N, C-alpha and C. Protein backbone atom coordinates (compact mmCIF):
# COMPACT_ATOMS: atom_id res chain seq x y z
N GLN A 1 0.84 -1.12 0.19
CA GLN A 1 -0.20 -0.40 0.03
C GLN A 1 1.15 1.29 -0.22
N VAL A 2 0.69 2.27 -1.03
CA VAL A 2 1.45 3.28 -1.30
C VAL A 2 0.56 4.63 0.28
N GLN A 3 1.84 4.57 0.61
CA GLN A 3 1.66 6.15 1.40
C GLN A 3 2.80 7.12 1.24
N LEU A 4 1.72 8.12 1.02
CA LEU A 4 2.54 9.52 1.34
C LEU A 4 2.10 10.25 2.62
N VAL A 5 3.23 10.33 3.42
CA VAL A 5 2.82 10.99 4.69
C VAL A 5 3.66 12.27 5.03
N GLU A 6 2.87 13.42 4.81
CA GLU A 6 3.50 14.64 5.48
C GLU A 6 3.54 15.10 6.52
N SER A 7 4.41 15.76 6.98
CA SER A 7 4.90 16.48 8.21
C SER A 7 5.23 17.98 8.06
N GLY A 8 5.27 18.88 9.54
CA GLY A 8 6.00 20.00 9.29
C GLY A 8 5.34 21.18 9.39
N GLY A 9 3.87 21.14 9.19
CA GLY A 9 3.15 22.10 8.65
C GLY A 9 3.04 22.55 9.99
N GLY A 10 2.37 24.44 10.09
CA GLY A 10 2.22 25.08 11.68
C GLY A 10 2.15 26.09 11.36
N LEU A 11 1.83 27.16 12.66
CA LEU A 11 1.64 28.55 12.35
C LEU A 11 3.20 29.07 12.59
N VAL A 12 3.47 29.87 11.46
CA VAL A 12 4.88 31.10 11.53
C VAL A 12 4.55 32.51 11.09
N GLN A 13 5.19 33.31 11.55
CA GLN A 13 5.24 34.47 11.44
C GLN A 13 5.56 35.17 10.05
N ALA A 14 5.05 35.74 9.11
CA ALA A 14 5.66 36.64 7.98
C ALA A 14 7.04 36.61 8.17
N GLY A 15 7.57 36.20 7.05
CA GLY A 15 8.97 36.44 6.99
C GLY A 15 9.52 35.28 7.44
N GLY A 16 9.12 33.78 8.29
CA GLY A 16 9.86 33.12 9.12
C GLY A 16 9.55 32.01 8.03
N SER A 17 10.38 30.59 8.65
CA SER A 17 10.62 29.59 7.99
C SER A 17 9.58 28.40 8.31
N LEU A 18 9.72 27.26 7.49
CA LEU A 18 9.23 26.12 7.95
C LEU A 18 9.65 25.09 6.87
N ARG A 19 9.83 23.39 7.50
CA ARG A 19 10.60 22.64 6.48
C ARG A 19 9.18 21.20 6.59
N LEU A 20 8.84 21.52 5.19
CA LEU A 20 7.67 20.52 5.28
C LEU A 20 8.61 19.10 4.77
N SER A 21 7.90 17.71 5.49
CA SER A 21 8.59 16.56 5.10
C SER A 21 7.59 15.64 4.50
N CYS A 22 7.84 14.56 3.68
CA CYS A 22 7.24 13.72 2.63
C CYS A 22 7.94 12.48 2.75
N ALA A 23 6.93 11.70 4.02
CA ALA A 23 8.15 10.21 3.63
C ALA A 23 7.07 9.45 3.22
N ALA A 24 7.72 8.64 1.89
CA ALA A 24 7.26 7.75 1.12
C ALA A 24 7.58 6.39 1.15
N SER A 25 6.29 5.43 1.27
CA SER A 25 6.66 4.19 1.48
C SER A 25 5.54 3.08 0.76
N GLY A 26 5.74 2.23 0.44
CA GLY A 26 4.68 0.94 -0.01
C GLY A 26 5.31 0.63 -1.76
N ARG A 27 6.15 1.58 -2.21
CA ARG A 27 6.62 0.82 -3.35
C ARG A 27 7.73 1.66 -3.77
N THR A 28 8.36 1.53 -5.04
CA THR A 28 9.45 2.06 -5.51
C THR A 28 9.53 3.33 -6.16
N PHE A 29 10.02 4.18 -5.93
CA PHE A 29 9.89 5.40 -6.00
C PHE A 29 10.60 6.24 -7.25
N SER A 30 11.78 5.41 -7.22
CA SER A 30 13.00 5.40 -7.89
C SER A 30 12.94 6.47 -9.29
N SER A 31 11.62 6.00 -9.92
CA SER A 31 11.93 6.39 -11.59
C SER A 31 10.59 7.71 -11.46
N TYR A 32 10.38 8.03 -10.31
CA TYR A 32 9.09 8.94 -10.03
C TYR A 32 9.45 10.46 -10.06
N VAL A 33 8.67 11.06 -10.31
CA VAL A 33 8.73 13.11 -10.10
C VAL A 33 7.66 12.77 -8.63
N MET A 34 8.42 13.50 -7.60
CA MET A 34 7.15 13.90 -6.50
C MET A 34 7.58 15.31 -6.28
N ALA A 35 5.86 16.06 -5.90
CA ALA A 35 5.80 16.96 -6.10
C ALA A 35 4.98 17.57 -4.60
N TRP A 36 5.06 18.41 -4.62
CA TRP A 36 4.46 19.67 -3.66
C TRP A 36 3.56 20.56 -4.66
N PHE A 37 2.04 20.12 -3.75
CA PHE A 37 1.06 21.02 -4.37
C PHE A 37 0.57 21.91 -2.97
N ARG A 38 -0.27 23.01 -3.34
CA ARG A 38 -1.14 23.56 -2.17
C ARG A 38 -2.46 24.28 -2.05
N GLN A 39 -3.01 24.48 -1.30
CA GLN A 39 -4.81 24.30 -1.72
C GLN A 39 -5.01 25.81 -0.55
N ALA A 40 -5.30 26.93 -0.95
CA ALA A 40 -5.79 26.95 -0.45
C ALA A 40 -7.58 27.55 -0.05
N PRO A 41 -8.15 27.66 1.10
CA PRO A 41 -9.20 27.96 1.22
C PRO A 41 -10.21 28.62 -0.10
N GLY A 42 -10.95 28.31 -0.66
CA GLY A 42 -11.84 29.01 -1.89
C GLY A 42 -10.95 28.52 -2.88
N LYS A 43 -9.99 28.10 -2.99
CA LYS A 43 -9.26 28.12 -4.28
C LYS A 43 -8.48 26.76 -4.82
N GLU A 44 -8.09 26.89 -6.01
CA GLU A 44 -7.67 25.50 -6.62
C GLU A 44 -6.48 25.15 -6.07
N ARG A 45 -6.23 23.88 -6.37
CA ARG A 45 -4.58 23.29 -5.99
C ARG A 45 -4.02 24.25 -6.68
N GLU A 46 -2.60 24.10 -6.22
CA GLU A 46 -1.99 25.14 -6.75
C GLU A 46 -0.31 24.42 -7.30
N PHE A 47 0.34 24.42 -7.72
CA PHE A 47 1.61 23.65 -7.48
C PHE A 47 2.54 24.40 -7.23
N ALA A 48 3.41 24.08 -6.62
CA ALA A 48 4.83 24.85 -5.72
C ALA A 48 5.92 24.27 -6.57
N ALA A 49 6.37 22.66 -6.51
CA ALA A 49 7.77 22.39 -6.66
C ALA A 49 7.54 20.81 -6.78
N ALA A 50 8.85 20.41 -7.64
CA ALA A 50 8.61 19.17 -8.29
C ALA A 50 10.43 18.66 -8.22
N ILE A 51 10.22 17.41 -8.12
CA ILE A 51 11.80 16.65 -8.47
C ILE A 51 11.76 15.14 -8.60
N ARG A 52 12.68 15.05 -9.87
CA ARG A 52 12.75 13.51 -10.11
C ARG A 52 13.59 12.88 -8.54
N TRP A 53 13.37 11.48 -8.15
CA TRP A 53 13.83 11.17 -7.23
C TRP A 53 15.34 10.48 -7.59
N SER A 54 15.00 10.78 -9.26
CA SER A 54 16.40 10.21 -10.09
C SER A 54 17.30 11.38 -9.94
N GLY A 55 17.30 12.37 -9.71
CA GLY A 55 18.02 13.24 -10.02
C GLY A 55 17.44 14.63 -11.18
N GLY A 56 18.31 15.23 -11.40
CA GLY A 56 17.89 16.54 -12.22
C GLY A 56 17.29 17.45 -11.54
N SER A 57 17.03 18.71 -12.65
CA SER A 57 16.96 20.06 -12.20
C SER A 57 15.33 19.91 -11.76
N PRO A 58 15.35 20.87 -10.29
CA PRO A 58 14.21 20.79 -9.86
C PRO A 58 13.26 21.99 -10.20
N TYR A 59 12.01 22.13 -10.45
CA TYR A 59 11.08 23.11 -10.78
C TYR A 59 10.24 23.60 -9.95
N TYR A 60 9.59 25.09 -10.30
CA TYR A 60 8.81 25.58 -9.36
C TYR A 60 7.47 26.62 -9.86
N GLY A 61 6.86 26.35 -9.05
CA GLY A 61 5.70 27.33 -9.68
C GLY A 61 6.49 29.01 -9.27
N ASP A 62 5.84 29.94 -10.12
CA ASP A 62 6.20 31.06 -10.15
C ASP A 62 5.84 31.82 -8.60
N SER A 63 4.82 31.55 -7.91
CA SER A 63 4.69 32.23 -6.72
C SER A 63 5.79 31.65 -5.35
N VAL A 64 6.31 30.62 -5.81
CA VAL A 64 7.42 30.29 -4.68
C VAL A 64 8.53 30.30 -5.02
N LYS A 65 8.80 30.63 -6.56
CA LYS A 65 10.22 30.57 -6.94
C LYS A 65 11.35 31.69 -6.32
N GLY A 66 12.53 31.14 -5.63
CA GLY A 66 13.11 32.23 -4.88
C GLY A 66 13.10 32.19 -3.93
N ARG A 67 11.68 31.32 -3.23
CA ARG A 67 11.67 30.83 -1.99
C ARG A 67 11.58 29.83 -1.02
N PHE A 68 10.97 29.19 -2.29
CA PHE A 68 11.18 27.65 -1.38
C PHE A 68 11.86 26.74 -2.34
N THR A 69 12.41 25.35 -1.67
CA THR A 69 13.49 24.68 -2.43
C THR A 69 12.93 23.19 -2.15
N ILE A 70 12.90 22.60 -3.21
CA ILE A 70 12.30 21.01 -2.56
C ILE A 70 13.81 20.30 -2.46
N SER A 71 14.05 19.61 -1.92
CA SER A 71 14.76 18.11 -2.12
C SER A 71 14.53 16.92 -1.80
N ARG A 72 15.62 16.03 -1.96
CA ARG A 72 14.93 14.72 -1.25
C ARG A 72 16.48 14.08 -0.77
N ASP A 73 15.48 12.95 -0.05
CA ASP A 73 16.69 11.93 0.50
C ASP A 73 16.80 10.74 -0.08
N ASN A 74 17.03 10.32 -0.57
CA ASN A 74 17.24 8.79 -1.21
C ASN A 74 16.94 7.82 -0.23
N ALA A 75 17.71 7.80 0.89
CA ALA A 75 18.50 6.74 1.83
C ALA A 75 17.17 6.86 2.42
N LYS A 76 16.02 7.61 2.39
CA LYS A 76 15.32 7.89 3.53
C LYS A 76 13.98 7.96 2.92
N ASN A 77 13.97 7.88 1.73
CA ASN A 77 12.76 8.10 1.31
C ASN A 77 11.40 9.14 1.70
N THR A 78 12.13 10.32 1.37
CA THR A 78 11.67 11.16 2.04
C THR A 78 12.40 12.51 1.23
N VAL A 79 10.98 13.38 1.06
CA VAL A 79 11.10 14.45 0.10
C VAL A 79 10.83 15.95 0.57
N TYR A 80 11.55 16.92 0.89
CA TYR A 80 11.60 17.91 1.53
C TYR A 80 10.72 19.26 1.02
N LEU A 81 10.70 20.11 1.45
CA LEU A 81 10.38 21.52 0.92
C LEU A 81 10.40 22.58 2.13
N GLN A 82 11.73 23.12 2.29
CA GLN A 82 12.15 24.38 3.12
C GLN A 82 12.12 25.43 2.16
N MET A 83 10.59 26.17 2.90
CA MET A 83 9.94 27.65 3.03
C MET A 83 10.84 28.47 3.86
N ASN A 84 11.21 29.30 2.89
CA ASN A 84 12.08 30.70 3.62
C ASN A 84 11.02 31.70 3.00
N SER A 85 10.83 33.23 3.83
CA SER A 85 10.66 34.31 3.62
C SER A 85 8.97 34.23 3.31
N LEU A 86 8.38 33.35 4.03
CA LEU A 86 7.28 33.08 4.28
C LEU A 86 6.15 34.28 4.51
N LYS A 87 4.75 34.62 3.46
CA LYS A 87 3.90 35.39 3.66
C LYS A 87 2.67 35.03 3.55
N PRO A 88 1.41 35.98 4.22
CA PRO A 88 0.46 35.24 4.54
C PRO A 88 -0.37 34.44 3.50
N GLU A 89 0.16 34.74 2.03
CA GLU A 89 -0.65 34.20 0.83
C GLU A 89 -0.02 32.78 0.86
N ASP A 90 0.78 32.64 1.40
CA ASP A 90 1.56 31.00 1.25
C ASP A 90 0.38 30.27 2.11
N THR A 91 -0.34 30.50 3.05
CA THR A 91 -0.98 30.18 4.21
C THR A 91 -1.78 28.98 3.09
N ALA A 92 -1.97 27.53 3.52
CA ALA A 92 -2.70 26.60 2.39
C ALA A 92 -2.36 25.36 3.21
N VAL A 93 -3.53 24.42 2.84
CA VAL A 93 -2.95 22.94 2.84
C VAL A 93 -2.08 22.64 1.86
N TYR A 94 -0.85 21.92 2.17
CA TYR A 94 0.37 21.69 1.49
C TYR A 94 0.14 20.00 1.08
N PHE A 95 0.14 19.21 0.14
CA PHE A 95 0.11 17.89 -0.15
C PHE A 95 1.17 17.64 -1.06
N CYS A 96 1.67 16.28 -0.70
CA CYS A 96 2.86 15.73 -1.45
C CYS A 96 2.45 14.94 -2.83
N ALA A 97 2.92 14.73 -3.51
CA ALA A 97 2.19 13.74 -4.48
C ALA A 97 3.63 13.29 -5.38
N GLY A 98 3.24 11.91 -5.83
CA GLY A 98 3.90 10.80 -6.73
C GLY A 98 3.58 10.93 -7.76
N ALA A 99 3.94 11.05 -8.93
CA ALA A 99 3.50 10.68 -10.21
C ALA A 99 4.66 9.73 -11.23
N ASP A 100 4.34 9.31 -12.12
CA ASP A 100 4.93 8.19 -12.96
C ASP A 100 4.94 8.80 -14.38
N PRO A 101 6.06 9.14 -14.38
CA PRO A 101 6.53 9.87 -15.82
C PRO A 101 6.72 8.78 -17.11
N ASN A 102 6.60 7.39 -16.51
CA ASN A 102 5.80 6.64 -17.84
C ASN A 102 4.52 6.21 -17.75
N GLY A 103 3.85 6.50 -17.16
CA GLY A 103 2.92 6.58 -16.77
C GLY A 103 1.59 7.21 -17.88
N ASP A 104 0.37 6.45 -17.95
CA ASP A 104 -0.85 7.10 -18.49
C ASP A 104 -1.15 8.89 -18.15
N ARG A 105 -0.98 9.00 -17.16
CA ARG A 105 -1.37 9.95 -16.89
C ARG A 105 -0.55 11.24 -17.17
N TRP A 106 0.79 10.82 -17.10
CA TRP A 106 2.24 11.58 -17.55
C TRP A 106 1.66 12.71 -18.78
N SER A 107 1.63 14.43 -18.80
CA SER A 107 1.47 14.81 -20.17
C SER A 107 2.87 15.50 -20.30
N GLY A 108 4.25 15.68 -19.69
CA GLY A 108 5.19 16.13 -19.59
C GLY A 108 5.35 17.68 -18.92
N SER A 109 4.01 17.84 -18.07
CA SER A 109 4.05 18.95 -17.28
C SER A 109 5.13 18.83 -16.32
N GLY A 110 3.75 18.01 -15.32
CA GLY A 110 4.47 18.19 -13.77
C GLY A 110 3.89 19.12 -12.81
N ARG A 111 3.15 19.70 -13.74
CA ARG A 111 2.89 20.90 -12.90
C ARG A 111 1.30 20.93 -12.73
N ILE A 112 0.79 19.73 -13.34
CA ILE A 112 -0.64 19.44 -13.64
C ILE A 112 -1.02 18.34 -12.67
N SER A 113 -1.90 18.61 -11.31
CA SER A 113 -2.06 18.16 -10.45
C SER A 113 -2.85 16.53 -10.93
N ASN A 114 -3.62 16.46 -11.99
CA ASN A 114 -4.20 15.16 -12.77
C ASN A 114 -3.03 14.49 -12.91
N GLU A 115 -1.28 14.70 -12.93
CA GLU A 115 -0.50 14.13 -13.45
C GLU A 115 -0.21 13.05 -12.14
N TYR A 116 -0.51 13.46 -11.15
CA TYR A 116 -0.10 12.82 -10.15
C TYR A 116 -0.93 11.83 -9.34
N LYS A 117 -0.67 10.40 -9.53
CA LYS A 117 -1.29 9.42 -8.76
C LYS A 117 -1.69 8.88 -7.49
N TYR A 118 -0.33 9.40 -6.73
CA TYR A 118 -0.14 9.22 -5.43
C TYR A 118 -0.15 10.31 -4.88
N TRP A 119 -0.90 10.31 -3.17
CA TRP A 119 -1.17 11.78 -2.38
C TRP A 119 -1.71 11.45 -1.40
N GLY A 120 -0.82 12.41 -0.69
CA GLY A 120 -0.73 12.33 0.72
C GLY A 120 -2.36 13.09 1.36
N ARG A 121 -2.10 13.11 2.54
CA ARG A 121 -3.75 14.26 3.04
C ARG A 121 -3.12 15.63 3.13
N GLY A 122 -1.88 15.99 3.27
CA GLY A 122 -2.11 17.25 3.73
C GLY A 122 -1.66 17.55 4.92
N THR A 123 -0.63 18.90 4.91
CA THR A 123 -0.34 19.05 6.30
C THR A 123 -0.49 21.07 5.89
N GLN A 124 -0.89 21.47 7.03
CA GLN A 124 -1.82 22.97 7.08
C GLN A 124 -0.68 23.69 7.73
N VAL A 125 -0.26 24.79 6.69
CA VAL A 125 0.85 25.88 6.78
C VAL A 125 0.09 27.26 7.26
N THR A 126 0.30 27.84 8.27
CA THR A 126 -0.40 29.50 8.51
C THR A 126 0.27 29.76 8.46
N VAL A 127 0.14 31.26 7.85
CA VAL A 127 1.62 32.31 8.50
C VAL A 127 0.69 33.58 8.37
N SER A 128 1.03 34.07 9.95
CA SER A 128 0.12 34.91 10.41
C SER A 128 0.79 36.39 9.68
N SER A 129 0.02 37.47 9.97
CA SER A 129 1.00 38.98 9.22
C SER A 129 1.52 39.42 10.41
């Protein structure tokens, strides 16, 4: 059974930092693309960042570029999202997701939620002004 479990969310003041973790288990993710999406109340799910387990350059959504960094620890099967210079508009539930770039869902973008088959339950991040 595939599981993605997020942790690390919480309440932080504007300008502060948080690091989210996503622990993956239940299958081999070595060829997968792992991503972070976020969803604020009343808004659509938004792409934040993605990275391949096998390496290569990560890529980011425009709203987080330069402030967030995605990374992975293959030995721990864990993906991280380091979030710096947080703003109140970063407040959202943050979801970890996994996609098979060789699967039918994959369109090549990596920024579309429908490309991702596996999802965690999310972790709340709240940034106060």
